[in-house]
Amino acid sequence: MLRENFPKQGEEYLGETSPDGWQYQIIFRGRTLSDAYQMVRNFLEEEGYEDIPLPKDAEELALFRLKTRNKQVLLFEDNGYVHNPVKILFPLDRRKKTNLMLNIFNENHPNHLVKFHRIEEKRGLI
């Protein structure tokens, strides 16, 4: 399970690699947004994240999509649902309406909460 054995820097897990041992990203492509979201939910459950509160369905998830196309805003805001240690994000390319990016973060990494919420980035410290 991913939650118990988070991949180290450069280590591959299910065909994807954690570049830094801090974040793992995988993209789910469905026929519909509902299909992609169900894949995300199944993956999270299988990987030990069944206790994370999630939107009840794809319709509720869509409420978390930012309405802006301003890329500057998107530098500092996550376009999707965020609940530590998971981010379910909509792709910036609006043509990929049935794709979801799942980012899972290593809860045991130093400064996990500050990094997860991008506090340093938002304050211009990085």
C-alpha atoms as a PDB file:
ATOM      1  CA  MET A   1       0.000   0.000   0.000  1.00  0.00           C
ATOM      2  CA  LEU A   2       1.180   3.463  -0.937  1.00  0.00           C
ATOM      3  CA  ARG A   3       0.281   5.049   2.387  1.00  0.00           C
ATOM      4  CA  GLU A   4       2.418   2.593   4.345  1.00  0.00           C
ATOM      5  CA  ASN A   5       5.317   2.430   1.862  1.00  0.00           C
ATOM      6  CA  PHE A   6       5.561   5.797   0.140  1.00  0.00           C
ATOM      7  CA  PRO A   7       8.049   5.618  -2.750  1.00  0.00           C
ATOM      8  CA  LYS A   8      11.442   7.141  -2.137  1.00  0.00           C
ATOM      9  CA  GLN A   9      12.950   9.728  -4.468  1.00  0.00           C
ATOM     10  CA  GLY A  10      13.098   8.292  -8.000  1.00  0.00           C
ATOM     11  CA  GLU A  11      11.363   5.073  -6.977  1.00  0.00           C
ATOM     12  CA  GLU A  12       8.667   3.730  -9.293  1.00  0.00           C
ATOM     13  CA  TYR A  13       5.262   2.631  -8.059  1.00  0.00           C
ATOM     14  CA  LEU A  14       2.567   1.337 -10.431  1.00  0.00           C
ATOM     15  CA  GLY A  15       4.287   2.853 -13.450  1.00  0.00           C
ATOM     16  CA  GLU A  16       4.688   6.332 -11.932  1.00  0.00           C
ATOM     17  CA  THR A  17       7.732   7.757 -10.169  1.00  0.00           C
ATOM     18  CA  SER A  18       7.982   9.965  -7.125  1.00  0.00           C
ATOM     19  CA  PRO A  19      10.518  12.590  -8.207  1.00  0.00           C
ATOM     20  CA  ASP A  20      11.302  13.694  -4.665  1.00  0.00           C
ATOM     21  CA  GLY A  21       9.891  11.167  -2.181  1.00  0.00           C
ATOM     22  CA  TRP A  22       7.369  13.817  -1.191  1.00  0.00           C
ATOM     23  CA  GLN A  23       4.729  13.685  -3.923  1.00  0.00           C
ATOM     24  CA  TYR A  24       3.245  10.928  -6.034  1.00  0.00           C
ATOM     25  CA  GLN A  25       1.109  11.868  -9.035  1.00  0.00           C
ATOM     26  CA  ILE A  26      -1.041   9.693 -11.242  1.00  0.00           C
ATOM     27  CA  ILE A  27      -3.548  10.680 -13.943  1.00  0.00           C
ATOM     28  CA  PHE A  28      -6.872   8.934 -14.358  1.00  0.00           C
ATOM     29  CA  ARG A  29      -8.527   9.102 -17.780  1.00  0.00           C
ATOM     30  CA  GLY A  30     -12.142   8.072 -17.944  1.00  0.00           C
ATOM     31  CA  ARG A  31     -14.779   7.976 -20.611  1.00  0.00           C
ATOM     32  CA  THR A  32     -16.632  10.446 -18.383  1.00  0.00           C
ATOM     33  CA  LEU A  33     -15.645  12.524 -15.382  1.00  0.00           C
ATOM     34  CA  SER A  34     -17.694  10.117 -13.246  1.00  0.00           C
ATOM     35  CA  ASP A  35     -15.635   7.185 -14.525  1.00  0.00           C
ATOM     36  CA  ALA A  36     -12.341   8.957 -13.761  1.00  0.00           C
ATOM     37  CA  TYR A  37     -13.544   9.952 -10.302  1.00  0.00           C
ATOM     38  CA  GLN A  38     -14.625   6.392  -9.512  1.00  0.00           C
ATOM     39  CA  MET A  39     -11.142   5.207 -10.516  1.00  0.00           C
ATOM     40  CA  VAL A  40      -9.616   7.788  -8.148  1.00  0.00           C
ATOM     41  CA  ARG A  41     -11.873   6.662  -5.294  1.00  0.00           C
ATOM     42  CA  ASN A  42     -11.041   2.991  -5.898  1.00  0.00           C
ATOM     43  CA  PHE A  43      -7.309   3.734  -6.050  1.00  0.00           C
ATOM     44  CA  LEU A  44      -7.375   5.697  -2.794  1.00  0.00           C
ATOM     45  CA  GLU A  45      -9.264   2.926  -1.034  1.00  0.00           C
ATOM     46  CA  GLU A  46      -6.876   0.238  -2.286  1.00  0.00           C
ATOM     47  CA  GLU A  47      -3.830   2.298  -1.276  1.00  0.00           C
ATOM     48  CA  GLY A  48      -4.887   2.906   2.343  1.00  0.00           C
ATOM     49  CA  TYR A  49      -6.556   6.307   2.057  1.00  0.00           C
ATOM     50  CA  GLU A  50     -10.116   5.151   2.691  1.00  0.00           C
ATOM     51  CA  ASP A  51     -10.430   7.470   5.695  1.00  0.00           C
ATOM     52  CA  ILE A  52      -9.956  10.674   3.652  1.00  0.00           C
ATOM     53  CA  PRO A  53     -13.226  12.607   3.228  1.00  0.00           C
ATOM     54  CA  LEU A  54     -14.052  12.922  -0.466  1.00  0.00           C
ATOM     55  CA  PRO A  55     -16.830  14.482  -2.515  1.00  0.00           C
ATOM     56  CA  LYS A  56     -19.752  12.050  -2.788  1.00  0.00           C
ATOM     57  CA  ASP A  57     -19.670  11.963  -6.598  1.00  0.00           C
ATOM     58  CA  ALA A  58     -18.251  13.633  -9.704  1.00  0.00           C
ATOM     59  CA  GLU A  59     -20.982  16.263  -9.656  1.00  0.00           C
ATOM     60  CA  GLU A  60     -19.957  17.377  -6.174  1.00  0.00           C
ATOM     61  CA  LEU A  61     -16.271  17.190  -7.157  1.00  0.00           C
ATOM     62  CA  ALA A  62     -16.968  19.554 -10.067  1.00  0.00           C
ATOM     63  CA  LEU A  63     -18.024  22.213  -7.551  1.00  0.00           C
ATOM     64  CA  PHE A  64     -14.342  22.481  -6.560  1.00  0.00           C
ATOM     65  CA  ARG A  65     -13.219  23.373 -10.092  1.00  0.00           C
ATOM     66  CA  LEU A  66     -11.980  26.971 -10.276  1.00  0.00           C
ATOM     67  CA  LYS A  67     -13.891  29.046 -12.799  1.00  0.00           C
ATOM     68  CA  THR A  68     -10.906  31.212 -13.726  1.00  0.00           C
ATOM     69  CA  ARG A  69      -8.680  30.780 -16.749  1.00  0.00           C
ATOM     70  CA  ASN A  70      -6.151  33.197 -15.270  1.00  0.00           C
ATOM     71  CA  LYS A  71      -2.956  31.169 -15.006  1.00  0.00           C
ATOM     72  CA  GLN A  72      -1.537  33.549 -12.397  1.00  0.00           C
ATOM     73  CA  VAL A  73      -4.378  32.652 -10.023  1.00  0.00           C
ATOM     74  CA  LEU A  74      -3.795  28.974 -10.723  1.00  0.00           C
ATOM     75  CA  LEU A  75      -0.164  29.324  -9.625  1.00  0.00           C
ATOM     76  CA  PHE A  76      -1.343  29.799  -6.051  1.00  0.00           C
ATOM     77  CA  GLU A  77      -4.659  27.972  -5.933  1.00  0.00           C
ATOM     78  CA  ASP A  78      -5.297  24.296  -6.476  1.00  0.00           C
ATOM     79  CA  ASN A  79      -7.864  23.668  -9.183  1.00  0.00           C
ATOM     80  CA  GLY A  80      -9.756  20.877  -7.498  1.00  0.00           C
ATOM     81  CA  TYR A  81     -10.436  19.151  -4.213  1.00  0.00           C
ATOM     82  CA  VAL A  82      -7.817  19.294  -1.469  1.00  0.00           C
ATOM     83  CA  HIS A  83      -7.800  17.358   1.794  1.00  0.00           C
ATOM     84  CA  ASN A  84      -4.474  16.492   3.389  1.00  0.00           C
ATOM     85  CA  PRO A  85      -2.664  14.358   2.114  1.00  0.00           C
ATOM     86  CA  VAL A  86      -4.625  14.200  -1.160  1.00  0.00           C
ATOM     87  CA  LYS A  87      -5.309  16.613  -4.014  1.00  0.00           C
ATOM     88  CA  ILE A  88      -7.704  15.696  -6.820  1.00  0.00           C
ATOM     89  CA  LEU A  89      -7.051  18.272  -9.512  1.00  0.00           C
ATOM     90  CA  PHE A  90      -8.602  19.168 -12.824  1.00  0.00           C
ATOM     91  CA  PRO A  91      -6.124  19.557 -15.692  1.00  0.00           C
ATOM     92  CA  LEU A  92      -5.411  23.090 -16.894  1.00  0.00           C
ATOM     93  CA  ASP A  93      -6.187  21.965 -20.435  1.00  0.00           C
ATOM     94  CA  ARG A  94      -9.989  22.262 -20.444  1.00  0.00           C
ATOM     95  CA  ARG A  95     -10.209  19.934 -23.463  1.00  0.00           C
ATOM     96  CA  LYS A  96      -9.333  17.035 -21.134  1.00  0.00           C
ATOM     97  CA  LYS A  97     -12.649  17.196 -19.281  1.00  0.00           C
ATOM     98  CA  THR A  98     -12.622  13.539 -18.291  1.00  0.00           C
ATOM     99  CA  ASN A  99      -9.115  13.484 -16.783  1.00  0.00           C
ATOM    100  CA  LEU A 100      -8.242  13.867 -13.119  1.00  0.00           C
ATOM    101  CA  MET A 101      -4.791  14.271 -11.599  1.00  0.00           C
ATOM    102  CA  LEU A 102      -4.389  12.623  -8.233  1.00  0.00           C
ATOM    103  CA  ASN A 103      -1.537  13.939  -6.104  1.00  0.00           C
ATOM    104  CA  ILE A 104      -0.749  12.093  -2.905  1.00  0.00           C
ATOM    105  CA  PHE A 105       1.737  13.540  -0.442  1.00  0.00           C
ATOM    106  CA  ASN A 106       4.032  11.758   1.984  1.00  0.00           C
ATOM    107  CA  GLU A 107       2.615  12.431   5.446  1.00  0.00           C
ATOM    108  CA  ASN A 108       5.946  11.493   7.059  1.00  0.00           C
ATOM    109  CA  HIS A 109       8.005  14.027   5.120  1.00  0.00           C
ATOM    110  CA  PRO A 110       9.565  16.890   7.173  1.00  0.00           C
ATOM    111  CA  ASN A 111       7.422  20.047   7.166  1.00  0.00           C
ATOM    112  CA  HIS A 112       4.598  18.091   5.576  1.00  0.00           C
ATOM    113  CA  LEU A 113       1.748  20.489   6.422  1.00  0.00           C
ATOM    114  CA  VAL A 114       3.607  23.645   5.407  1.00  0.00           C
ATOM    115  CA  LYS A 115       4.596  22.072   2.097  1.00  0.00           C
ATOM    116  CA  PHE A 116       1.187  20.502   1.460  1.00  0.00           C
ATOM    117  CA  HIS A 117      -0.597  23.826   1.855  1.00  0.00           C
ATOM    118  CA  ARG A 118       2.170  25.645  -0.079  1.00  0.00           C
ATOM    119  CA  ILE A 119       2.527  28.210   2.689  1.00  0.00           C
ATOM    120  CA  GLU A 120       6.066  29.169   1.687  1.00  0.00           C
ATOM    121  CA  GLU A 121       5.095  29.613  -1.967  1.00  0.00           C
ATOM    122  CA  LYS A 122       2.105  31.766  -1.108  1.00  0.00           C
ATOM    123  CA  ARG A 123       4.223  34.001   1.104  1.00  0.00           C
ATOM    124  CA  GLY A 124       6.928  34.318  -1.533  1.00  0.00           C
ATOM    125  CA  LEU A 125       9.530  32.487   0.541  1.00  0.00           C
ATOM    126  CA  ILE A 126      10.548  30.120  -2.234  1.00  0.00           C
END
